[in-house]
Every structure is written in C-alpha cells, then in structure tokens.
Amino acid sequence: MKNDRFSVIIDGVRSPIALKDSPLLGIRSDDLTASIIKGLLNRNPQLPKEKIEDLVVGCAFPEGPQGMLMSRGISILADLPVDCAAKVVNRFCGSSMDSLHQVSQAISAGDYGCGVAAGVEDMFGVPMGGFNPSFNPVLYENDYYIGMGETAENLAKELNINRQDQEKFAIESHNKALTAISESRFDNEIVKVEFNGNIVSIDEGPRQPDLEKIKSLSPVFDAEGTITAATSSPVSLGAASLLMTSNEFADKYGLKGQFKIKSRAVAGVDWRLMGSGPLPATEKALSNAGLTMNDIDAIELNEAFAAQSLYVIRKGGWNMEKINLNGGAIALGHPLGCSGARILITLMNVMKQNDLTLGLATMCIGSGQGIATIIERIN
C-alpha cells in the first residue's frame, strides 16, 4: 500500500545572530531558545499547542549553561504542554539540521503528528571544545582533534584556493547580507529578542567591508597559510526553531505546510578535510530524491570558512549564482548548534522571495562529516 504521509515545515523563525560586545551577551541559551519558540507559536495561533509531542534541540556543546537536558527546560520556559517530550541532539555544526531530520523521520514514520526542531549555541558562554576536554591519545596521534581552521587550510592547499579568492568570497557574503537587510529580506525569519532592557532585531555581523583592513590581516591558523579572521565565520550566539507536522496533521488543523522534506542525508569524510562533507552528503540527498544538482533552484551552503565553501563549490561544480543569495555565515555568524536550522529558515525565505521550488541546505561538520536537506516548496 502506498504511503502518502510525509513531513512538512509549517514555519520557521530565528533570533538575530549576535557577535562579541552584543547587548545579548549574557542571555541564557535556554531563555533565548524559549523566546524564539514562543515567537514561532505566536505566529501560528491556529495550531493546538497541546498537539506538540516532541521538542528536539540541537547544540554542539551541551554542557554548563547548555547542559542538564536543556531541551526539557526550554519546553517548560516556552510554555509547551507538560506531556511534550524533549531531547538534545549533538552532531556538532550539523546539530539543529539533525534535529529537523529526527523530527521529520518521526513524523514520516507515524510516531507523532507534530513536533518542533530547534537549535542554539552560545559560543561565548561555552567555549569551543567545552570546559574540560579529554583527548584520546590514539585519536590525538591521528589528528582527530585538528582545529577547524587547519582543515580549511588543507582544503585551500589541495585546490590552490588563494587568499584573494577567499577575500572576494567573504566580501560578497557581507555585501549580499547588507543588501538583504536593507531590503528587509530577513524580516520574516527574525524574531526580535529583548534582554536587560535592550531589543535586538537585526543580525550584528554584516558590515561594509574595509578592503585595506582585510588585506592587512595575518593568517590565523598557519603562519604560511591563507585564511584570516575576515575569511572565517565569527564566534557568535543564536537560536532558531521550526514547526513541523505531517501533511495529514496540517490538513486536519488548517495549517499551511509550506515545504515538504524531500530528502535527508549525512556522510562521513576524512576529519582532516572536514569541510568537504557537504559534497557526499549532497550526493546522497540528491540520489535519495531522484534529483541532480541541475534540479536545485537555491542552495544554502554554510560558510564556515571561505576556503571551505569555495572548495565545495569548485569540487562539486556548483552554480555560484544559486548559493547564499542573502549572504552567509561569514557575514552573519555561525553559532554552531543553531546554524543548521538557521540556514534552512533562510533557504525557505529565499525560495519564497524568488518563487523557487527546490532548495538544498548543507553544511560541513567538525570531526569529518556532512549533512544535507532538500526541501520542496508546496504552498
């Protein structure tokens, strides 16, 4: 018997992405995420809130203020029903895209009809690597704990991606984001956040590129390398959430399913070349959906580093004109556990703004992985 049940995204929103010296510094990750989920549900009052059965929250470093099964605390703070379950997912940079995958899988399997996928990261409150990392000596000898910037330098060397091309890519990211802000293209996806009497409603990262300063910067990860702070995504803070249901649930309760989850995929790669992860993950997602890259109308490729992004684009032969139309993480920031949900939400808005049908969101993952999601606009 044919199964006509599938998962759909009803809506998605995110916080503004905050950088250092932001008025949002000091806000708790659970409070921030709860406020974004409240904003999501306030935009969809027709949803019977008591029907939400699971909250899945992605977080790359779920410890300290992001620990203690933060997702359950978020569900309480967001006034979700007490019988709504909750869990935290960790796939490093891909954590909140994995959250969406898990909610999508549960819905498609018939486990429940409605869930929320979310993600958050406070990279100021919890440092990269956590508070007390412990390294396995065998893995250490095999470079498993290699820095992300070093892996990007490896990619740059493999394809001879020079500093000038990286700087051009970073400048374009900022310029596209600034244009998107000036044309209010992020307004539909951002929920303003209030903290300590301050209200933040726009992303803090995008800025007019200072060419002289960009060219004066020293390499960050390798003295003889090409990657600088200007061509890397900045340390940041942010949260995002997506409301998901089955197509049957949406029809029953008069909800508008905007996007169908067409396919999902993850893949492993050499951890020393972790930035290449989007390539095999995307190939799997395309194969699962019976598509080719030519079928994809818009792409959100997470910009961990300009070198890493250019490696994927060049190695995959991807069309630059379809990629990150509203700017990317080099301009906006890459709050690790938030970014997977963030790029999906941005992709949804790009597709609506440009009347497009098929979109791909994909990202590399520290430790040598990639994750990808293909969505189809159905309303």
Protein backbone atom coordinates (compact mmCIF):
# COMPACT_ATOMS: atom_id res chain seq x y z
CA MET A 1 0.00 0.00 0.00
CA LYS A 2 1.34 3.43 -0.94
CA ASN A 3 2.26 5.64 1.99
CA ASP A 4 1.11 9.20 1.28
CA ARG A 5 2.25 10.54 4.65
CA PHE A 6 5.21 12.94 4.69
CA SER A 7 6.63 15.66 6.89
CA VAL A 8 6.19 19.35 6.18
CA ILE A 9 7.57 22.58 7.60
CA ILE A 10 4.79 24.91 8.68
CA ASP A 11 7.03 27.81 9.67
CA GLY A 12 10.47 28.69 10.98
CA VAL A 13 11.99 31.64 12.82
CA ARG A 14 15.30 32.55 14.39
CA SER A 15 16.95 35.10 16.62
CA PRO A 16 19.20 37.83 15.31
CA ILE A 17 22.76 36.48 15.39
CA ALA A 18 24.85 38.27 18.00
CA LEU A 19 28.60 38.86 17.99
CA LYS A 20 31.06 39.97 20.66
CA ASP A 21 30.10 43.14 22.56
CA SER A 22 26.44 42.47 21.75
CA PRO A 23 23.74 43.63 24.18
CA LEU A 24 22.59 39.99 24.08
CA LEU A 25 25.78 38.67 25.68
CA GLY A 26 24.87 37.00 28.96
CA ILE A 27 21.44 35.77 27.87
CA ARG A 28 20.97 32.10 28.70
CA SER A 29 20.67 29.67 25.80
CA ASP A 30 17.52 28.12 27.28
CA ASP A 31 15.84 31.52 27.72
CA LEU A 32 16.84 32.61 24.21
CA THR A 33 15.55 29.43 22.57
CA ALA A 34 12.31 29.54 24.57
CA SER A 35 11.67 33.10 23.39
CA ILE A 36 12.20 32.06 19.76
CA ILE A 37 9.82 29.10 20.12
CA LYS A 38 7.22 31.40 21.68
CA GLY A 39 7.62 33.71 18.70
CA LEU A 40 7.14 30.76 16.34
CA LEU A 41 3.95 29.63 18.06
CA ASN A 42 2.58 33.18 18.30
CA ARG A 43 2.84 33.37 14.51
CA ASN A 44 0.78 30.18 14.19
CA PRO A 45 -2.15 30.61 16.62
CA GLN A 46 -4.29 28.09 14.75
CA LEU A 47 -2.03 25.26 15.97
CA PRO A 48 -3.48 23.46 19.01
CA LYS A 49 -0.38 23.74 21.22
CA GLU A 50 -1.36 20.64 23.17
CA LYS A 51 -0.73 18.59 20.00
CA ILE A 52 3.03 19.28 20.03
CA GLU A 53 4.54 15.97 21.09
CA ASP A 54 8.31 16.46 20.93
CA LEU A 55 10.94 19.21 21.06
CA VAL A 56 14.33 18.31 19.60
CA VAL A 57 17.10 20.86 20.23
CA GLY A 58 20.50 20.81 18.54
CA CYS A 59 23.53 22.03 20.47
CA ALA A 60 27.21 21.42 19.71
CA PHE A 61 28.44 21.82 23.29
CA PRO A 62 25.57 20.85 25.62
CA GLU A 63 27.29 21.50 28.93
CA GLY A 64 27.45 24.20 31.58
CA PRO A 65 24.51 26.57 30.95
CA GLN A 66 23.64 24.46 27.88
CA GLY A 67 23.58 21.20 29.86
CA MET A 68 21.12 19.42 32.18
CA LEU A 69 18.93 18.27 29.25
CA MET A 70 18.42 21.88 28.22
CA SER A 71 15.64 20.96 25.80
CA ARG A 72 13.28 19.91 28.58
CA GLY A 73 13.91 23.16 30.40
CA ILE A 74 13.28 25.05 27.15
CA SER A 75 9.94 23.28 26.71
CA ILE A 76 8.86 24.45 30.17
CA LEU A 77 10.10 28.02 29.59
CA ALA A 78 8.32 28.12 26.22
CA ASP A 79 5.02 27.00 27.80
CA LEU A 80 4.84 23.81 25.76
CA PRO A 81 2.45 21.19 27.16
CA VAL A 82 3.84 19.22 30.09
CA ASP A 83 3.40 15.97 28.16
CA CYS A 84 5.58 17.24 25.28
CA ALA A 85 8.81 15.21 25.34
CA ALA A 86 12.24 16.75 24.69
CA LYS A 87 15.80 15.78 23.82
CA VAL A 88 19.12 17.35 22.86
CA VAL A 89 20.95 16.33 19.68
CA ASN A 90 24.67 16.81 19.14
CA ARG A 91 26.20 16.49 15.69
CA PHE A 92 28.48 19.50 16.20
CA CYS A 93 27.81 22.07 13.44
CA GLY A 94 25.01 19.93 11.99
CA SER A 95 23.15 19.57 15.29
CA SER A 96 19.97 21.51 14.53
CA MET A 97 19.71 20.22 10.97
CA ASP A 98 19.89 16.78 12.56
CA SER A 99 17.08 17.94 14.88
CA LEU A 100 14.94 18.61 11.83
CA HIS A 101 15.92 15.23 10.37
CA GLN A 102 14.86 13.43 13.54
CA VAL A 103 11.51 15.22 13.81
CA SER A 104 10.93 14.63 10.09
CA GLN A 105 11.72 10.92 10.46
CA ALA A 106 9.40 10.51 13.46
CA ILE A 107 6.56 12.26 11.66
CA SER A 108 7.03 10.26 8.45
CA ALA A 109 7.12 7.03 10.47
CA GLY A 110 3.83 7.89 12.17
CA ASP A 111 5.31 8.22 15.66
CA TYR A 112 3.58 11.58 16.08
CA GLY A 113 1.95 14.30 14.03
CA CYS A 114 3.59 17.49 15.29
CA GLY A 115 6.98 18.46 16.70
CA VAL A 116 9.41 21.35 16.98
CA ALA A 117 13.01 21.19 15.75
CA ALA A 118 15.31 23.82 17.21
CA GLY A 119 18.95 24.70 17.78
CA VAL A 120 21.03 27.05 19.87
CA GLU A 121 24.63 27.92 20.63
CA ASP A 122 26.24 30.49 22.89
CA MET A 123 29.87 30.36 21.77
CA PHE A 124 30.78 32.96 24.39
CA GLY A 125 29.18 31.14 27.31
CA VAL A 126 30.56 27.69 26.43
CA PRO A 127 33.97 27.63 24.71
CA MET A 128 34.85 25.56 21.65
CA GLY A 129 35.82 22.13 22.96
CA GLY A 130 33.86 22.61 26.16
CA PHE A 131 35.12 23.41 29.64
CA ASN A 132 37.20 20.30 30.32
CA PRO A 133 38.06 18.39 27.14
CA SER A 134 39.77 14.99 27.42
CA PHE A 135 41.68 13.67 24.43
CA ASN A 136 42.11 10.01 23.49
CA PRO A 137 45.86 9.54 22.83
CA VAL A 138 45.34 7.31 19.77
CA LEU A 139 42.92 9.78 18.21
CA TYR A 140 45.24 12.63 19.14
CA GLU A 141 48.12 10.99 17.27
CA ASN A 142 45.85 10.63 14.26
CA ASP A 143 44.95 14.35 14.20
CA TYR A 144 41.33 13.69 15.15
CA TYR A 145 41.32 16.85 17.29
CA ILE A 146 42.69 19.02 14.48
CA GLY A 147 41.41 22.60 14.52
CA MET A 148 38.68 23.50 12.06
CA GLY A 149 40.80 26.28 10.58
CA GLU A 150 43.61 23.85 9.93
CA THR A 151 41.26 21.59 7.99
CA ALA A 152 40.23 24.57 5.88
CA GLU A 153 43.89 25.32 5.18
CA ASN A 154 44.23 21.70 3.97
CA LEU A 155 41.37 22.24 1.52
CA ALA A 156 42.82 25.53 0.31
CA LYS A 157 46.14 23.82 -0.42
CA GLU A 158 44.52 20.88 -2.22
CA LEU A 159 42.70 23.09 -4.74
CA ASN A 160 45.12 26.05 -4.66
CA ILE A 161 42.41 28.39 -3.37
CA ASN A 162 44.31 31.63 -2.92
CA ARG A 163 43.79 34.37 -0.37
CA GLN A 164 42.45 36.83 -2.95
CA ASP A 165 39.62 34.48 -3.95
CA GLN A 166 38.77 33.85 -0.30
CA GLU A 167 38.62 37.58 0.41
CA LYS A 168 36.43 38.17 -2.63
CA PHE A 169 34.05 35.45 -1.42
CA ALA A 170 33.90 36.95 2.09
CA ILE A 171 33.27 40.46 0.78
CA GLU A 172 30.42 39.15 -1.38
CA SER A 173 28.92 37.42 1.67
CA HIS A 174 28.84 40.72 3.56
CA ASN A 175 27.54 42.69 0.59
CA LYS A 176 24.72 40.23 -0.06
CA ALA A 177 23.75 40.24 3.62
CA LEU A 178 23.79 44.05 3.78
CA THR A 179 21.56 44.20 0.70
CA ALA A 180 19.20 41.64 2.23
CA ILE A 181 18.97 43.72 5.42
CA SER A 182 18.38 46.96 3.52
CA GLU A 183 15.61 45.27 1.51
CA SER A 184 14.03 43.71 4.66
CA ARG A 185 14.60 40.19 3.34
CA PHE A 186 15.42 38.81 6.81
CA ASP A 187 12.40 40.39 8.49
CA ASN A 188 10.14 37.36 8.01
CA GLU A 189 12.61 34.99 9.67
CA ILE A 190 13.86 37.04 12.64
CA VAL A 191 12.09 37.32 16.00
CA LYS A 192 13.36 40.30 17.96
CA VAL A 193 14.96 39.48 21.31
CA GLU A 194 14.77 41.60 24.46
CA PHE A 195 17.44 41.27 27.16
CA ASN A 196 18.37 43.59 30.00
CA GLY A 197 16.24 46.37 28.57
CA ASN A 198 17.79 46.12 25.09
CA ILE A 199 15.95 44.96 21.99
CA VAL A 200 17.94 43.36 19.16
CA SER A 201 16.15 42.79 15.87
CA ILE A 202 18.87 42.54 13.18
CA ASP A 203 21.98 40.44 12.68
CA GLU A 204 25.07 42.12 14.07
CA GLY A 205 27.70 40.59 11.79
CA PRO A 206 27.20 42.11 8.33
CA ARG A 207 29.32 45.22 7.79
CA GLN A 208 30.70 47.32 4.97
CA PRO A 209 33.95 45.56 4.03
CA ASP A 210 37.11 47.52 4.81
CA LEU A 211 39.38 46.37 2.00
CA GLU A 212 42.54 47.85 3.47
CA LYS A 213 41.97 46.16 6.81
CA ILE A 214 41.05 42.83 5.20
CA LYS A 215 44.28 42.78 3.23
CA SER A 216 46.35 43.73 6.29
CA LEU A 217 45.26 40.76 8.43
CA SER A 218 47.69 37.97 9.24
CA PRO A 219 46.78 34.29 8.72
CA VAL A 220 45.11 32.83 11.80
CA PHE A 221 45.81 29.11 11.70
CA ASP A 222 49.07 28.76 9.75
CA ALA A 223 51.72 31.45 9.50
CA GLU A 224 52.27 30.45 5.88
CA GLY A 225 48.57 29.95 5.23
CA THR A 226 45.84 31.96 3.53
CA ILE A 227 42.92 32.02 5.99
CA THR A 228 42.35 35.13 8.11
CA ALA A 229 39.67 36.31 10.51
CA ALA A 230 37.99 38.11 7.61
CA THR A 231 37.54 34.86 5.69
CA SER A 232 36.29 32.85 8.68
CA SER A 233 32.83 32.79 10.26
CA PRO A 234 32.83 34.79 13.50
CA VAL A 235 32.19 33.44 17.00
CA SER A 236 28.52 34.12 17.67
CA LEU A 237 25.30 33.48 19.57
CA GLY A 238 21.90 32.50 18.18
CA ALA A 239 18.84 30.24 18.26
CA ALA A 240 16.33 29.01 15.68
CA SER A 241 13.20 26.83 15.60
CA LEU A 242 10.94 25.14 13.05
CA LEU A 243 7.37 23.92 13.43
CA MET A 244 6.85 20.59 11.69
CA THR A 245 3.85 18.34 11.13
CA SER A 246 2.67 15.58 8.86
CA ASN A 247 0.76 16.62 5.75
CA GLU A 248 -2.30 14.91 7.26
CA PHE A 249 -1.99 16.86 10.54
CA ALA A 250 -1.64 20.14 8.63
CA ASP A 251 -4.79 19.42 6.62
CA LYS A 252 -6.75 18.40 9.71
CA TYR A 253 -5.95 21.56 11.67
CA GLY A 254 -5.99 24.06 8.82
CA LEU A 255 -2.24 24.68 8.85
CA LYS A 256 -0.34 25.66 5.73
CA GLY A 257 2.50 23.26 5.09
CA GLN A 258 4.94 25.47 3.20
CA PHE A 259 7.72 23.00 2.47
CA LYS A 260 7.96 19.25 2.11
CA ILE A 261 11.09 17.47 3.34
CA LYS A 262 12.14 15.89 0.07
CA SER A 263 15.23 14.07 1.35
CA ARG A 264 17.78 13.96 4.17
CA ALA A 265 21.36 12.66 4.27
CA VAL A 266 24.54 12.54 6.32
CA ALA A 267 28.03 11.39 5.35
CA GLY A 268 31.48 10.93 6.85
CA VAL A 269 34.73 12.24 5.37
CA ASP A 270 38.38 12.40 6.43
CA TRP A 271 38.41 14.59 9.56
CA ARG A 272 41.47 16.42 8.23
CA LEU A 273 39.30 17.54 5.29
CA MET A 274 36.10 18.04 7.27
CA GLY A 275 34.97 20.97 5.12
CA SER A 276 34.40 18.64 2.17
CA GLY A 277 31.47 16.98 3.99
CA PRO A 278 28.69 18.75 2.04
CA LEU A 279 29.77 17.02 -1.18
CA PRO A 280 28.99 13.36 -0.29
CA ALA A 281 26.03 14.37 1.89
CA THR A 282 24.52 16.30 -1.00
CA GLU A 283 25.13 13.45 -3.43
CA LYS A 284 23.26 11.11 -1.10
CA ALA A 285 20.38 13.55 -0.65
CA LEU A 286 20.08 14.07 -4.40
CA SER A 287 20.16 10.33 -5.04
CA ASN A 288 17.52 9.70 -2.36
CA ALA A 289 15.25 12.25 -4.02
CA GLY A 290 15.96 11.14 -7.60
CA LEU A 291 17.36 14.57 -8.44
CA THR A 292 20.53 16.16 -9.82
CA MET A 293 22.16 19.48 -8.90
CA ASN A 294 20.60 20.96 -12.03
CA ASP A 295 17.18 20.46 -10.43
CA ILE A 296 18.09 22.55 -7.38
CA ASP A 297 16.95 26.18 -7.59
CA ALA A 298 18.61 27.61 -4.47
CA ILE A 299 21.42 26.49 -2.16
CA GLU A 300 22.28 27.48 1.39
CA LEU A 301 25.86 26.33 1.98
CA ASN A 302 27.07 27.09 5.48
CA GLU A 303 30.13 29.31 5.25
CA ALA A 304 32.41 28.01 7.98
CA PHE A 305 35.36 29.43 6.02
CA ALA A 306 35.62 30.99 2.58
CA ALA A 307 38.22 28.39 1.59
CA GLN A 308 35.95 25.54 2.69
CA SER A 309 32.97 26.98 0.81
CA LEU A 310 34.99 27.55 -2.36
CA TYR A 311 36.37 24.01 -2.14
CA VAL A 312 32.85 22.56 -2.11
CA ILE A 313 31.64 24.87 -4.88
CA ARG A 314 34.60 24.19 -7.15
CA LYS A 315 34.95 20.48 -6.46
CA GLY A 316 31.22 19.96 -6.91
CA GLY A 317 30.90 22.28 -9.92
CA TRP A 318 28.08 24.13 -8.17
CA ASN A 319 26.48 27.25 -9.64
CA MET A 320 27.60 30.28 -7.59
CA GLU A 321 24.55 32.24 -8.69
CA LYS A 322 22.29 29.87 -6.71
CA ILE A 323 24.28 29.99 -3.46
CA ASN A 324 23.58 32.06 -0.33
CA LEU A 325 21.58 34.76 -2.09
CA ASN A 326 21.10 36.69 1.17
CA GLY A 327 24.69 36.25 2.35
CA GLY A 328 26.12 33.53 4.53
CA ALA A 329 27.80 32.69 7.82
CA ILE A 330 30.99 34.65 7.14
CA ALA A 331 28.83 37.77 7.36
CA LEU A 332 26.05 36.56 9.66
CA GLY A 333 27.93 34.26 12.04
CA HIS A 334 27.93 30.52 12.69
CA PRO A 335 26.53 29.76 16.17
CA LEU A 336 27.26 26.05 15.90
CA GLY A 337 24.14 24.33 17.23
CA CYS A 338 21.84 26.94 15.66
CA SER A 339 23.24 27.07 12.14
CA GLY A 340 21.58 24.02 10.58
CA ALA A 341 18.11 25.30 11.43
CA ARG A 342 19.15 28.86 10.55
CA ILE A 343 20.23 28.05 7.01
CA LEU A 344 17.03 26.05 6.43
CA ILE A 345 14.92 29.00 7.57
CA THR A 346 16.90 31.39 5.38
CA LEU A 347 16.55 28.96 2.46
CA MET A 348 12.78 28.89 2.92
CA ASN A 349 12.62 32.67 2.70
CA VAL A 350 14.97 32.84 -0.29
CA MET A 351 12.74 30.36 -2.11
CA LYS A 352 9.59 32.35 -1.31
CA GLN A 353 11.21 35.66 -2.25
CA ASN A 354 12.33 34.30 -5.61
CA ASP A 355 9.40 31.95 -6.33
CA LEU A 356 11.58 28.82 -6.39
CA THR A 357 10.60 25.16 -5.99
CA LEU A 358 13.55 23.04 -4.85
CA GLY A 359 16.19 24.03 -2.32
CA LEU A 360 19.27 22.46 -0.74
CA ALA A 361 20.71 23.28 2.68
CA THR A 362 24.04 21.67 3.53
CA MET A 363 26.99 22.08 5.85
CA CYS A 364 30.28 20.61 6.95
CA ILE A 365 30.66 19.19 10.44
CA GLY A 366 33.67 19.14 12.75
CA SER A 367 35.15 15.62 13.13
CA GLY A 368 34.70 14.97 9.42
CA GLN A 369 31.04 14.79 8.40
CA GLY A 370 28.50 16.47 6.18
CA ILE A 371 24.73 16.86 6.36
CA ALA A 372 22.19 17.89 3.73
CA THR A 373 18.47 18.51 3.40
CA ILE A 374 16.42 19.03 0.23
CA ILE A 375 13.10 20.82 0.60
CA GLU A 376 10.29 21.33 -1.89
CA ARG A 377 8.01 24.37 -1.81
CA ILE A 378 4.43 23.13 -1.90
CA ASN A 379 2.47 26.29 -0.97
